[in-house]
Structures are given as C-alpha cells and as structure tokens.
C-alpha cells in the first residue's frame, strides 16, 4: 500500500468530479510542494519570521573515511566557548548562540544580512561509532568533530570475486 500525503482538497475532488479541476490537479500539487520548499529554504537562511530577532543555524557537512566519521560545522563569529557539543543515543547535538552585536548610534545600515540567535542541531550518526574516542577541534570558525569507527565496522570490507 502506498502512502499518500493527506490533502483536504482531495475530498472535494472525490465528491465533485469536475474535468478542469482534475486536469489541473498535478500542477496545483507541484505548486504547493514548491511553495513548501521555498518556505523551508527561506527559514533556513533567517527569513520569514515575524520577529526581528533573526535566526542562525550552522551549516554542517558529515563525511566518512575508512576509519572515522567526520562532522564539520561552520560557526563564523563564534568561539569554542559559545558552542556545546554532546553525544546522546547515536546523535551528535550542537548547541550554542550567536549573539547580536550591540547597536551603535550613528550607524545607518544599507543592508543587514547577518543572522543571530540560538541554535540547536541534532545529527543522527551511524551506530558503529566509538563514542568514547570522539575528538573535536575548533579552528578559524570551523568545528571539526572526529568520531572513530568501531573495530567491527572497520573490518566489514568483503571482496567479491567476479566470474
């Protein structure tokens, strides 16, 4: 059985089957999905909120090599004391706050694109991480967390011969 996103307009279409509405239904659904994606992306960059407090969320890259899972988070304008890193239930949790500069009198902004505020990122990790050997380094506004793999995960490489 396929899962279909619930849509109250589908109820209208079932009761009143009008040919023009049915023909435009796929376009309407595409437009709705595009609007949702744009709303999400604008929120990601700090737009679309009613208050003027801004919103900050660090950009995160998660990569893997033969021995480690590496997480890099871009935290411009923050120091290592502004960030809290914890591991809980195979999740890496990044918390912190990018504080707004004090407002200075006599300055007129032409453009203000910097975003500020508290952030809380939860990154799900694979289960084969040795959490006791985790290490983090903060350099030039980039937090790099190295999470070593367990011995069992490192030895999973199986070569299959081709006939």
Protein backbone atom coordinates (compact mmCIF):
# COMPACT_ATOMS: atom_id res chain seq x y z
CA UNK A 1 0.00 0.00 0.00
CA UNK A 2 1.44 3.38 -0.99
CA UNK A 3 1.49 6.30 1.43
CA UNK A 4 -0.10 9.45 0.07
CA UNK A 5 0.16 12.85 1.74
CA UNK A 6 -3.25 13.86 3.10
CA UNK A 7 -4.75 16.75 1.23
CA UNK A 8 -8.18 18.17 2.14
CA UNK A 9 -8.72 19.24 -1.48
CA UNK A 10 -8.74 15.59 -2.48
CA UNK A 11 -12.02 15.25 -0.58
CA UNK A 12 -13.57 17.96 -2.75
CA UNK A 13 -12.40 16.29 -5.93
CA UNK A 14 -13.91 12.97 -4.93
CA UNK A 15 -17.35 14.44 -4.27
CA UNK A 16 -17.44 16.78 -7.22
CA UNK A 17 -15.58 15.42 -10.20
CA UNK A 18 -15.12 18.36 -12.47
CA UNK A 19 -12.97 17.73 -15.51
CA UNK A 20 -10.99 21.05 -15.43
CA UNK A 21 -10.11 20.62 -11.74
CA UNK A 22 -8.87 17.08 -12.33
CA UNK A 23 -6.75 18.19 -15.27
CA UNK A 24 -5.01 20.91 -13.22
CA UNK A 25 -4.58 18.84 -10.06
CA UNK A 26 -0.98 17.75 -10.77
CA UNK A 27 0.08 21.35 -11.45
CA UNK A 28 -1.57 22.55 -8.26
CA UNK A 29 0.19 19.85 -6.28
CA UNK A 30 3.56 20.78 -7.81
CA UNK A 31 2.99 24.45 -6.98
CA UNK A 32 2.10 23.61 -3.38
CA UNK A 33 5.23 21.47 -2.99
CA UNK A 34 7.45 24.21 -4.50
CA UNK A 35 5.95 26.78 -2.11
CA UNK A 36 6.69 24.48 0.81
CA UNK A 37 10.30 24.01 -0.31
CA UNK A 38 10.85 27.75 -0.77
CA UNK A 39 9.35 28.46 2.66
CA UNK A 40 11.71 25.92 4.23
CA UNK A 41 14.77 27.31 2.47
CA UNK A 42 13.93 30.90 3.36
CA UNK A 43 13.50 29.92 7.00
CA UNK A 44 16.87 28.17 6.81
CA UNK A 45 18.54 31.48 5.94
CA UNK A 46 16.66 33.54 8.51
CA UNK A 47 13.80 34.99 6.52
CA UNK A 48 10.09 34.64 7.03
CA UNK A 49 9.83 35.28 10.75
CA UNK A 50 7.55 37.83 12.36
CA UNK A 51 10.05 38.98 14.97
CA UNK A 52 13.31 40.71 14.11
CA UNK A 53 15.50 38.53 16.29
CA UNK A 54 16.93 36.68 13.32
CA UNK A 55 17.81 33.02 13.16
CA UNK A 56 21.09 31.23 12.94
CA UNK A 57 21.77 27.60 12.12
CA UNK A 58 25.26 26.37 11.31
CA UNK A 59 25.97 24.67 8.01
CA UNK A 60 27.05 21.08 8.64
CA UNK A 61 28.92 18.54 6.49
CA UNK A 62 29.04 14.88 7.51
CA UNK A 63 31.55 12.64 5.75
CA UNK A 64 33.14 9.26 6.25
CA UNK A 65 36.51 7.68 5.52
CA UNK A 66 37.86 4.20 6.27
CA UNK A 67 38.40 4.88 9.99
CA UNK A 68 36.23 7.85 11.01
CA UNK A 69 33.00 9.74 10.60
CA UNK A 70 33.84 13.45 10.40
CA UNK A 71 31.41 16.28 11.09
CA UNK A 72 32.31 19.85 10.12
CA UNK A 73 30.17 22.77 11.27
CA UNK A 74 30.72 26.33 10.06
CA UNK A 75 30.35 28.69 13.01
CA UNK A 76 31.56 32.13 11.86
CA UNK A 77 31.87 34.73 14.57
CA UNK A 78 31.76 32.17 17.39
CA UNK A 79 34.43 30.87 19.73
CA UNK A 80 34.73 27.38 21.19
CA UNK A 81 33.18 28.69 24.43
CA UNK A 82 29.99 29.64 22.55
CA UNK A 83 29.33 26.04 21.43
CA UNK A 84 28.32 22.93 23.36
CA UNK A 85 28.87 19.52 21.72
CA UNK A 86 27.31 16.36 23.18
CA UNK A 87 26.64 12.77 22.10
CA UNK A 88 23.41 11.06 23.08
CA UNK A 89 21.75 7.92 21.68
CA UNK A 90 23.76 7.88 18.42
CA UNK A 91 23.05 11.57 17.90
CA UNK A 92 25.52 14.43 17.84
CA UNK A 93 24.00 17.55 19.39
CA UNK A 94 25.36 21.03 18.66
CA UNK A 95 24.02 23.89 20.79
CA UNK A 96 25.03 27.49 21.07
CA UNK A 97 24.16 31.07 20.41
CA UNK A 98 25.45 33.68 18.04
CA UNK A 99 24.89 36.94 19.85
CA UNK A 100 23.91 40.15 18.11
CA UNK A 101 26.41 42.99 18.21
CA UNK A 102 25.46 45.94 20.32
CA UNK A 103 23.57 48.54 18.38
CA UNK A 104 25.80 51.53 17.80
CA UNK A 105 24.40 55.00 17.45
CA UNK A 106 25.25 56.96 14.38
CA UNK A 107 25.35 53.95 12.05
CA UNK A 108 22.95 53.64 9.19
CA UNK A 109 22.78 50.19 7.68
CA UNK A 110 22.29 49.86 3.94
CA UNK A 111 21.97 46.12 4.27
CA UNK A 112 21.93 43.77 7.26
CA UNK A 113 22.17 40.11 6.28
CA UNK A 114 23.90 38.67 9.33
CA UNK A 115 21.77 36.28 11.32
CA UNK A 116 21.89 35.80 15.06
CA UNK A 117 20.25 33.69 17.69
CA UNK A 118 20.39 30.38 19.50
CA UNK A 119 20.80 27.18 17.52
CA UNK A 120 20.28 23.51 18.25
CA UNK A 121 21.29 20.91 15.64
CA UNK A 122 20.82 17.17 16.08
CA UNK A 123 22.74 14.98 13.65
CA UNK A 124 21.96 11.28 13.59
CA UNK A 125 25.08 9.13 13.48
CA UNK A 126 25.60 5.56 12.36
CA UNK A 127 25.51 3.00 15.17
CA UNK A 128 29.11 1.89 14.60
CA UNK A 129 30.73 4.93 16.22
CA UNK A 130 33.12 4.57 19.17
CA UNK A 131 31.77 7.49 21.20
CA UNK A 132 34.44 7.19 23.90
CA UNK A 133 37.18 8.23 21.45
CA UNK A 134 35.41 11.25 19.95
CA UNK A 135 37.52 14.36 19.43
CA UNK A 136 36.66 17.95 18.49
CA UNK A 137 38.77 20.85 17.23
CA UNK A 138 37.73 24.45 16.67
CA UNK A 139 39.82 26.49 14.24
CA UNK A 140 39.03 29.62 12.19
CA UNK A 141 35.28 29.38 12.82
CA UNK A 142 35.04 25.71 11.79
CA UNK A 143 34.26 23.00 14.32
CA UNK A 144 35.53 19.58 13.25
CA UNK A 145 34.39 16.55 15.19
CA UNK A 146 36.15 13.24 14.51
CA UNK A 147 34.23 10.14 15.54
CA UNK A 148 36.25 6.92 15.16
CA UNK A 149 34.51 3.82 13.89
CA UNK A 150 34.44 0.66 15.99
CA UNK A 151 36.78 -2.20 15.07
CA UNK A 152 33.84 -4.26 13.79
CA UNK A 153 32.84 -1.50 11.37
CA UNK A 154 36.39 -1.16 10.02
CA UNK A 155 36.66 -4.85 9.18
CA UNK A 156 33.43 -5.11 7.16
CA UNK A 157 35.15 -4.85 3.78
CA UNK A 158 34.46 -8.07 1.89
CA UNK A 159 35.93 -8.63 -1.56
CA UNK A 160 33.70 -10.50 -4.01
CA UNK A 161 35.36 -12.23 -6.91
CA UNK A 162 33.86 -11.77 -10.34
CA UNK A 163 33.49 -14.89 -12.50
